[in-house]
Amino acid sequence: MKAPRNLEKYIPNYDVEKFWKKLRRSLRRMGAKAVYYALLLYYALQDPQISRKDKGMILGALGYFLLPLDLMPDFLPAIGYTDDIAALAFAVYKVINCITPLVKGQAEAKVYEWFGDVDQSDLIL
């Protein structure tokens, strides 16, 4: 599945508190790899070295993730998060060169905290 077009239009939907609430609520349905992507983007957004363009991409993907009704509503069993995960993965792909080892470490630590034992292949970019 392709990422939604013009992720930047979703920037106004991003809110840190809503991000953490939805991410915690969605852990099991999304899986460790998708949660890792969301966390990579969240922590990369905190990095002052990330360009405005990349921050826009990240904010758009995280904003799209927070929308309750999007291309595939989240409440649909098995497929509800497919579009959200595609947007997150697309944004990670676009900003991968800006993701520092510190950001990776923060995201990995949170995934291990929430999921416990995780297949290391889920955390490789």
N, C-alpha and C. Protein backbone atom coordinates (compact mmCIF):
# COMPACT_ATOMS: atom_id res chain seq x y z
N MET A 1 0.83 -1.17 0.00
CA MET A 1 0.00 0.00 0.00
C MET A 1 0.88 1.24 0.00
N LYS A 2 0.51 2.22 -0.79
CA LYS A 2 1.26 3.46 -0.86
C LYS A 2 0.85 4.38 0.28
N ALA A 3 1.78 5.27 0.65
CA ALA A 3 1.48 6.25 1.67
C ALA A 3 0.48 7.26 1.13
N PRO A 4 -0.36 7.82 1.99
CA PRO A 4 -1.30 8.83 1.54
C PRO A 4 -0.57 10.01 0.91
N ARG A 5 -1.21 10.64 -0.06
CA ARG A 5 -0.61 11.81 -0.71
C ARG A 5 -0.63 13.00 0.22
N ASN A 6 0.33 13.89 0.01
CA ASN A 6 0.38 15.16 0.74
C ASN A 6 0.26 15.00 2.25
N LEU A 7 1.18 14.26 2.82
CA LEU A 7 1.14 14.04 4.27
C LEU A 7 1.16 15.36 5.04
N GLU A 8 1.71 16.40 4.45
CA GLU A 8 1.80 17.68 5.14
C GLU A 8 0.44 18.23 5.55
N LYS A 9 -0.61 17.89 4.83
CA LYS A 9 -1.94 18.41 5.18
C LYS A 9 -2.45 17.84 6.51
N TYR A 10 -1.79 16.79 7.00
CA TYR A 10 -2.21 16.18 8.25
C TYR A 10 -1.48 16.75 9.47
N ILE A 11 -0.55 17.67 9.24
CA ILE A 11 0.24 18.25 10.32
C ILE A 11 -0.63 18.81 11.44
N PRO A 12 -1.71 19.55 11.13
CA PRO A 12 -2.53 20.10 12.22
C PRO A 12 -3.15 19.04 13.14
N ASN A 13 -3.20 17.81 12.70
CA ASN A 13 -3.79 16.74 13.52
C ASN A 13 -2.84 16.16 14.55
N TYR A 14 -1.56 16.55 14.48
CA TYR A 14 -0.58 15.97 15.40
C TYR A 14 -0.66 16.65 16.76
N ASP A 15 -0.72 15.84 17.79
CA ASP A 15 -0.73 16.31 19.17
C ASP A 15 0.00 15.26 20.00
N VAL A 16 0.99 15.68 20.78
CA VAL A 16 1.83 14.75 21.53
C VAL A 16 1.00 13.88 22.47
N GLU A 17 0.10 14.48 23.21
CA GLU A 17 -0.71 13.72 24.16
C GLU A 17 -1.57 12.67 23.45
N LYS A 18 -2.19 13.07 22.34
CA LYS A 18 -3.00 12.13 21.57
C LYS A 18 -2.14 11.02 20.98
N PHE A 19 -0.92 11.38 20.56
CA PHE A 19 -0.01 10.38 20.01
C PHE A 19 0.24 9.26 21.01
N TRP A 20 0.65 9.62 22.24
CA TRP A 20 0.97 8.61 23.25
C TRP A 20 -0.26 7.78 23.61
N LYS A 21 -1.40 8.45 23.71
CA LYS A 21 -2.63 7.74 24.07
C LYS A 21 -3.00 6.71 23.00
N LYS A 22 -2.99 7.13 21.74
CA LYS A 22 -3.37 6.20 20.67
C LYS A 22 -2.33 5.10 20.51
N LEU A 23 -1.05 5.45 20.63
CA LEU A 23 -0.01 4.43 20.46
C LEU A 23 -0.14 3.35 21.53
N ARG A 24 -0.33 3.74 22.77
CA ARG A 24 -0.49 2.75 23.85
C ARG A 24 -1.73 1.89 23.63
N ARG A 25 -2.81 2.52 23.16
CA ARG A 25 -4.06 1.81 22.94
C ARG A 25 -3.97 0.84 21.75
N SER A 26 -3.06 1.11 20.82
CA SER A 26 -2.98 0.35 19.57
C SER A 26 -1.84 -0.66 19.53
N LEU A 27 -1.09 -0.80 20.59
CA LEU A 27 0.12 -1.62 20.58
C LEU A 27 -0.07 -2.99 19.96
N ARG A 28 -0.96 -3.74 20.48
CA ARG A 28 -1.12 -5.14 20.05
C ARG A 28 -1.65 -5.24 18.63
N ARG A 29 -2.54 -4.35 18.25
CA ARG A 29 -3.11 -4.41 16.90
C ARG A 29 -2.09 -3.99 15.85
N MET A 30 -1.18 -3.11 16.20
CA MET A 30 -0.19 -2.63 15.23
C MET A 30 1.02 -3.55 15.14
N GLY A 31 1.46 -4.07 16.27
CA GLY A 31 2.64 -4.91 16.30
C GLY A 31 3.91 -4.11 16.56
N ALA A 32 4.96 -4.81 16.94
CA ALA A 32 6.21 -4.17 17.37
C ALA A 32 6.86 -3.34 16.27
N LYS A 33 6.88 -3.83 15.05
CA LYS A 33 7.56 -3.12 13.97
C LYS A 33 6.88 -1.78 13.68
N ALA A 34 5.57 -1.75 13.59
CA ALA A 34 4.85 -0.51 13.31
C ALA A 34 4.98 0.47 14.48
N VAL A 35 4.92 -0.05 15.69
CA VAL A 35 5.11 0.81 16.86
C VAL A 35 6.52 1.39 16.85
N TYR A 36 7.49 0.58 16.45
CA TYR A 36 8.88 1.05 16.34
C TYR A 36 8.98 2.19 15.34
N TYR A 37 8.31 2.07 14.21
CA TYR A 37 8.31 3.15 13.21
C TYR A 37 7.73 4.43 13.79
N ALA A 38 6.61 4.31 14.49
CA ALA A 38 5.98 5.49 15.10
C ALA A 38 6.92 6.13 16.12
N LEU A 39 7.57 5.30 16.91
CA LEU A 39 8.50 5.83 17.92
C LEU A 39 9.73 6.46 17.28
N LEU A 40 10.24 5.86 16.21
CA LEU A 40 11.37 6.47 15.50
C LEU A 40 11.01 7.88 15.05
N LEU A 41 9.83 8.02 14.48
CA LEU A 41 9.40 9.33 14.00
C LEU A 41 9.21 10.31 15.16
N TYR A 42 8.60 9.84 16.23
CA TYR A 42 8.39 10.70 17.40
C TYR A 42 9.71 11.21 17.95
N TYR A 43 10.66 10.31 18.16
CA TYR A 43 11.95 10.72 18.73
C TYR A 43 12.78 11.52 17.73
N ALA A 44 12.68 11.22 16.45
CA ALA A 44 13.39 12.00 15.44
C ALA A 44 12.87 13.44 15.43
N LEU A 45 11.60 13.61 15.65
CA LEU A 45 11.00 14.94 15.69
C LEU A 45 11.61 15.80 16.80
N GLN A 46 12.08 15.16 17.85
CA GLN A 46 12.69 15.90 18.97
C GLN A 46 14.13 16.34 18.66
N ASP A 47 14.72 15.76 17.64
CA ASP A 47 16.12 16.03 17.29
C ASP A 47 16.23 17.40 16.60
N PRO A 48 16.99 18.33 17.17
CA PRO A 48 17.11 19.67 16.57
C PRO A 48 17.84 19.67 15.23
N GLN A 49 18.51 18.59 14.89
CA GLN A 49 19.25 18.52 13.62
C GLN A 49 18.36 18.16 12.43
N ILE A 50 17.14 17.71 12.68
CA ILE A 50 16.22 17.34 11.61
C ILE A 50 15.77 18.60 10.87
N SER A 51 15.81 18.56 9.55
CA SER A 51 15.43 19.73 8.74
C SER A 51 13.92 19.99 8.85
N ARG A 52 13.53 21.22 8.50
CA ARG A 52 12.11 21.58 8.52
C ARG A 52 11.31 20.69 7.56
N LYS A 53 11.90 20.39 6.42
CA LYS A 53 11.23 19.54 5.43
C LYS A 53 10.96 18.16 6.03
N ASP A 54 11.98 17.58 6.67
CA ASP A 54 11.81 16.26 7.27
C ASP A 54 10.84 16.31 8.45
N LYS A 55 10.88 17.39 9.22
CA LYS A 55 9.92 17.53 10.32
C LYS A 55 8.50 17.59 9.78
N GLY A 56 8.31 18.26 8.65
CA GLY A 56 6.99 18.31 8.02
C GLY A 56 6.51 16.93 7.62
N MET A 57 7.41 16.13 7.05
CA MET A 57 7.07 14.76 6.67
C MET A 57 6.68 13.95 7.91
N ILE A 58 7.47 14.08 8.97
CA ILE A 58 7.21 13.35 10.21
C ILE A 58 5.88 13.78 10.83
N LEU A 59 5.67 15.08 10.92
CA LEU A 59 4.42 15.59 11.50
C LEU A 59 3.21 15.15 10.69
N GLY A 60 3.37 15.12 9.38
CA GLY A 60 2.27 14.68 8.53
C GLY A 60 1.92 13.22 8.78
N ALA A 61 2.94 12.37 8.86
CA ALA A 61 2.71 10.94 9.10
C ALA A 61 2.10 10.70 10.47
N LEU A 62 2.62 11.39 11.49
CA LEU A 62 2.08 11.21 12.84
C LEU A 62 0.67 11.79 12.93
N GLY A 63 0.42 12.91 12.24
CA GLY A 63 -0.93 13.48 12.20
C GLY A 63 -1.91 12.52 11.54
N TYR A 64 -1.49 11.89 10.45
CA TYR A 64 -2.35 10.92 9.77
C TYR A 64 -2.65 9.74 10.69
N PHE A 65 -1.63 9.29 11.40
CA PHE A 65 -1.79 8.19 12.35
C PHE A 65 -2.87 8.51 13.39
N LEU A 66 -2.96 9.77 13.78
CA LEU A 66 -3.91 10.16 14.83
C LEU A 66 -5.34 10.32 14.35
N LEU A 67 -5.55 10.44 13.05
CA LEU A 67 -6.92 10.60 12.56
C LEU A 67 -7.75 9.36 12.87
N PRO A 68 -8.91 9.54 13.48
CA PRO A 68 -9.74 8.37 13.79
C PRO A 68 -10.38 7.76 12.54
N LEU A 69 -10.72 8.57 11.58
CA LEU A 69 -11.31 8.09 10.34
C LEU A 69 -10.42 8.52 9.19
N ASP A 70 -9.85 7.55 8.52
CA ASP A 70 -8.96 7.85 7.41
C ASP A 70 -9.29 6.87 6.29
N LEU A 71 -8.34 6.57 5.41
CA LEU A 71 -8.63 5.68 4.29
C LEU A 71 -9.23 4.35 4.73
N MET A 72 -8.66 3.79 5.79
CA MET A 72 -9.18 2.55 6.36
C MET A 72 -9.39 2.81 7.85
N PRO A 73 -10.62 3.01 8.28
CA PRO A 73 -10.86 3.31 9.69
C PRO A 73 -10.22 2.27 10.61
N ASP A 74 -9.63 2.75 11.69
CA ASP A 74 -8.85 1.91 12.60
C ASP A 74 -9.67 0.80 13.25
N PHE A 75 -10.98 0.98 13.34
CA PHE A 75 -11.79 -0.04 14.02
C PHE A 75 -12.02 -1.29 13.17
N LEU A 76 -11.65 -1.25 11.88
CA LEU A 76 -11.83 -2.44 11.04
C LEU A 76 -10.84 -3.53 11.46
N PRO A 77 -11.33 -4.72 11.77
CA PRO A 77 -10.43 -5.80 12.19
C PRO A 77 -9.42 -6.16 11.10
N ALA A 78 -8.22 -6.39 11.50
CA ALA A 78 -7.11 -6.88 10.66
C ALA A 78 -6.57 -5.85 9.67
N ILE A 79 -7.39 -4.97 9.13
CA ILE A 79 -6.89 -4.04 8.11
C ILE A 79 -6.96 -2.58 8.54
N GLY A 80 -7.51 -2.30 9.70
CA GLY A 80 -7.75 -0.93 10.13
C GLY A 80 -6.51 -0.05 10.23
N TYR A 81 -5.39 -0.64 10.56
CA TYR A 81 -4.17 0.15 10.72
C TYR A 81 -3.26 0.09 9.50
N THR A 82 -3.67 -0.58 8.46
CA THR A 82 -2.81 -0.76 7.28
C THR A 82 -2.37 0.57 6.69
N ASP A 83 -3.29 1.51 6.52
CA ASP A 83 -2.94 2.80 5.94
C ASP A 83 -2.07 3.63 6.89
N ASP A 84 -2.34 3.54 8.18
CA ASP A 84 -1.52 4.26 9.15
C ASP A 84 -0.08 3.74 9.13
N ILE A 85 0.06 2.43 9.10
CA ILE A 85 1.39 1.81 9.07
C ILE A 85 2.12 2.17 7.79
N ALA A 86 1.38 2.22 6.67
CA ALA A 86 2.00 2.62 5.40
C ALA A 86 2.52 4.06 5.48
N ALA A 87 1.76 4.94 6.07
CA ALA A 87 2.19 6.34 6.21
C ALA A 87 3.43 6.44 7.11
N LEU A 88 3.42 5.69 8.21
CA LEU A 88 4.57 5.70 9.12
C LEU A 88 5.81 5.13 8.44
N ALA A 89 5.65 4.00 7.76
CA ALA A 89 6.79 3.37 7.07
C ALA A 89 7.33 4.27 5.97
N PHE A 90 6.45 4.90 5.22
CA PHE A 90 6.85 5.81 4.15
C PHE A 90 7.67 6.97 4.73
N ALA A 91 7.20 7.55 5.82
CA ALA A 91 7.91 8.68 6.44
C ALA A 91 9.28 8.23 6.96
N VAL A 92 9.35 7.06 7.57
CA VAL A 92 10.64 6.54 8.04
C VAL A 92 11.59 6.37 6.86
N TYR A 93 11.09 5.81 5.76
CA TYR A 93 11.89 5.63 4.56
C TYR A 93 12.43 6.98 4.06
N LYS A 94 11.59 8.03 4.10
CA LYS A 94 12.00 9.34 3.58
C LYS A 94 13.02 10.03 4.48
N VAL A 95 13.01 9.77 5.78
CA VAL A 95 13.91 10.48 6.70
C VAL A 95 14.97 9.56 7.30
N ILE A 96 15.11 8.36 6.77
CA ILE A 96 16.01 7.36 7.35
C ILE A 96 17.43 7.87 7.56
N ASN A 97 17.92 8.68 6.65
CA ASN A 97 19.29 9.19 6.77
C ASN A 97 19.47 10.19 7.90
N CYS A 98 18.37 10.69 8.43
CA CYS A 98 18.43 11.67 9.52
C CYS A 98 18.23 11.02 10.89
N ILE A 99 17.91 9.76 10.90
CA ILE A 99 17.64 9.07 12.17
C ILE A 99 18.96 8.65 12.79
N THR A 100 19.25 9.22 13.94
CA THR A 100 20.53 9.00 14.61
C THR A 100 20.49 7.73 15.46
N PRO A 101 21.67 7.24 15.84
CA PRO A 101 21.71 6.09 16.76
C PRO A 101 20.99 6.37 18.08
N LEU A 102 21.03 7.61 18.55
CA LEU A 102 20.33 7.97 19.79
C LEU A 102 18.82 7.78 19.61
N VAL A 103 18.29 8.25 18.51
CA VAL A 103 16.86 8.11 18.22
C VAL A 103 16.50 6.63 18.12
N LYS A 104 17.31 5.85 17.42
CA LYS A 104 17.06 4.40 17.31
C LYS A 104 17.06 3.76 18.69
N GLY A 105 18.01 4.14 19.52
CA GLY A 105 18.10 3.58 20.86
C GLY A 105 16.89 3.91 21.72
N GLN A 106 16.41 5.14 21.62
CA GLN A 106 15.22 5.53 22.38
C GLN A 106 14.00 4.72 21.94
N ALA A 107 13.84 4.59 20.63
CA ALA A 107 12.70 3.84 20.10
C ALA A 107 12.78 2.37 20.49
N GLU A 108 13.97 1.78 20.35
CA GLU A 108 14.15 0.38 20.72
C GLU A 108 13.85 0.15 22.20
N ALA A 109 14.34 1.04 23.06
CA ALA A 109 14.12 0.89 24.50
C ALA A 109 12.63 0.88 24.83
N LYS A 110 11.86 1.76 24.18
CA LYS A 110 10.42 1.82 24.45
C LYS A 110 9.71 0.56 23.93
N VAL A 111 10.14 0.08 22.76
CA VAL A 111 9.55 -1.15 22.22
C VAL A 111 9.82 -2.32 23.17
N TYR A 112 11.04 -2.44 23.66
CA TYR A 112 11.36 -3.52 24.59
C TYR A 112 10.58 -3.37 25.90
N GLU A 113 10.39 -2.14 26.35
CA GLU A 113 9.62 -1.90 27.57
C GLU A 113 8.17 -2.38 27.39
N TRP A 114 7.59 -2.08 26.24
CA TRP A 114 6.18 -2.41 26.01
C TRP A 114 5.95 -3.85 25.56
N PHE A 115 6.85 -4.40 24.76
CA PHE A 115 6.64 -5.72 24.16
C PHE A 115 7.48 -6.82 24.81
N GLY A 116 8.47 -6.44 25.61
CA GLY A 116 9.35 -7.45 26.18
C GLY A 116 10.28 -8.00 25.11
N ASP A 117 10.33 -9.31 25.00
CA ASP A 117 11.16 -9.95 23.99
C ASP A 117 10.62 -9.64 22.60
N VAL A 118 11.44 -9.03 21.77
CA VAL A 118 11.05 -8.68 20.41
C VAL A 118 12.08 -9.28 19.46
N ASP A 119 11.61 -9.79 18.36
CA ASP A 119 12.51 -10.29 17.33
C ASP A 119 13.35 -9.13 16.82
N GLN A 120 14.65 -9.23 16.92
CA GLN A 120 15.58 -8.16 16.53
C GLN A 120 15.36 -7.74 15.09
N SER A 121 14.90 -8.65 14.23
CA SER A 121 14.67 -8.28 12.82
C SER A 121 13.56 -7.25 12.68
N ASP A 122 12.68 -7.14 13.68
CA ASP A 122 11.62 -6.12 13.64
C ASP A 122 12.18 -4.73 13.87
N LEU A 123 13.39 -4.65 14.40
CA LEU A 123 13.97 -3.35 14.74
C LEU A 123 15.13 -2.96 13.83
N ILE A 124 15.22 -3.59 12.69
CA ILE A 124 16.27 -3.25 11.73
C ILE A 124 15.67 -2.40 10.64
N LEU A 125 16.35 -1.32 10.34
CA LEU A 125 15.87 -0.43 9.27
C LEU A 125 16.54 -0.75 7.97
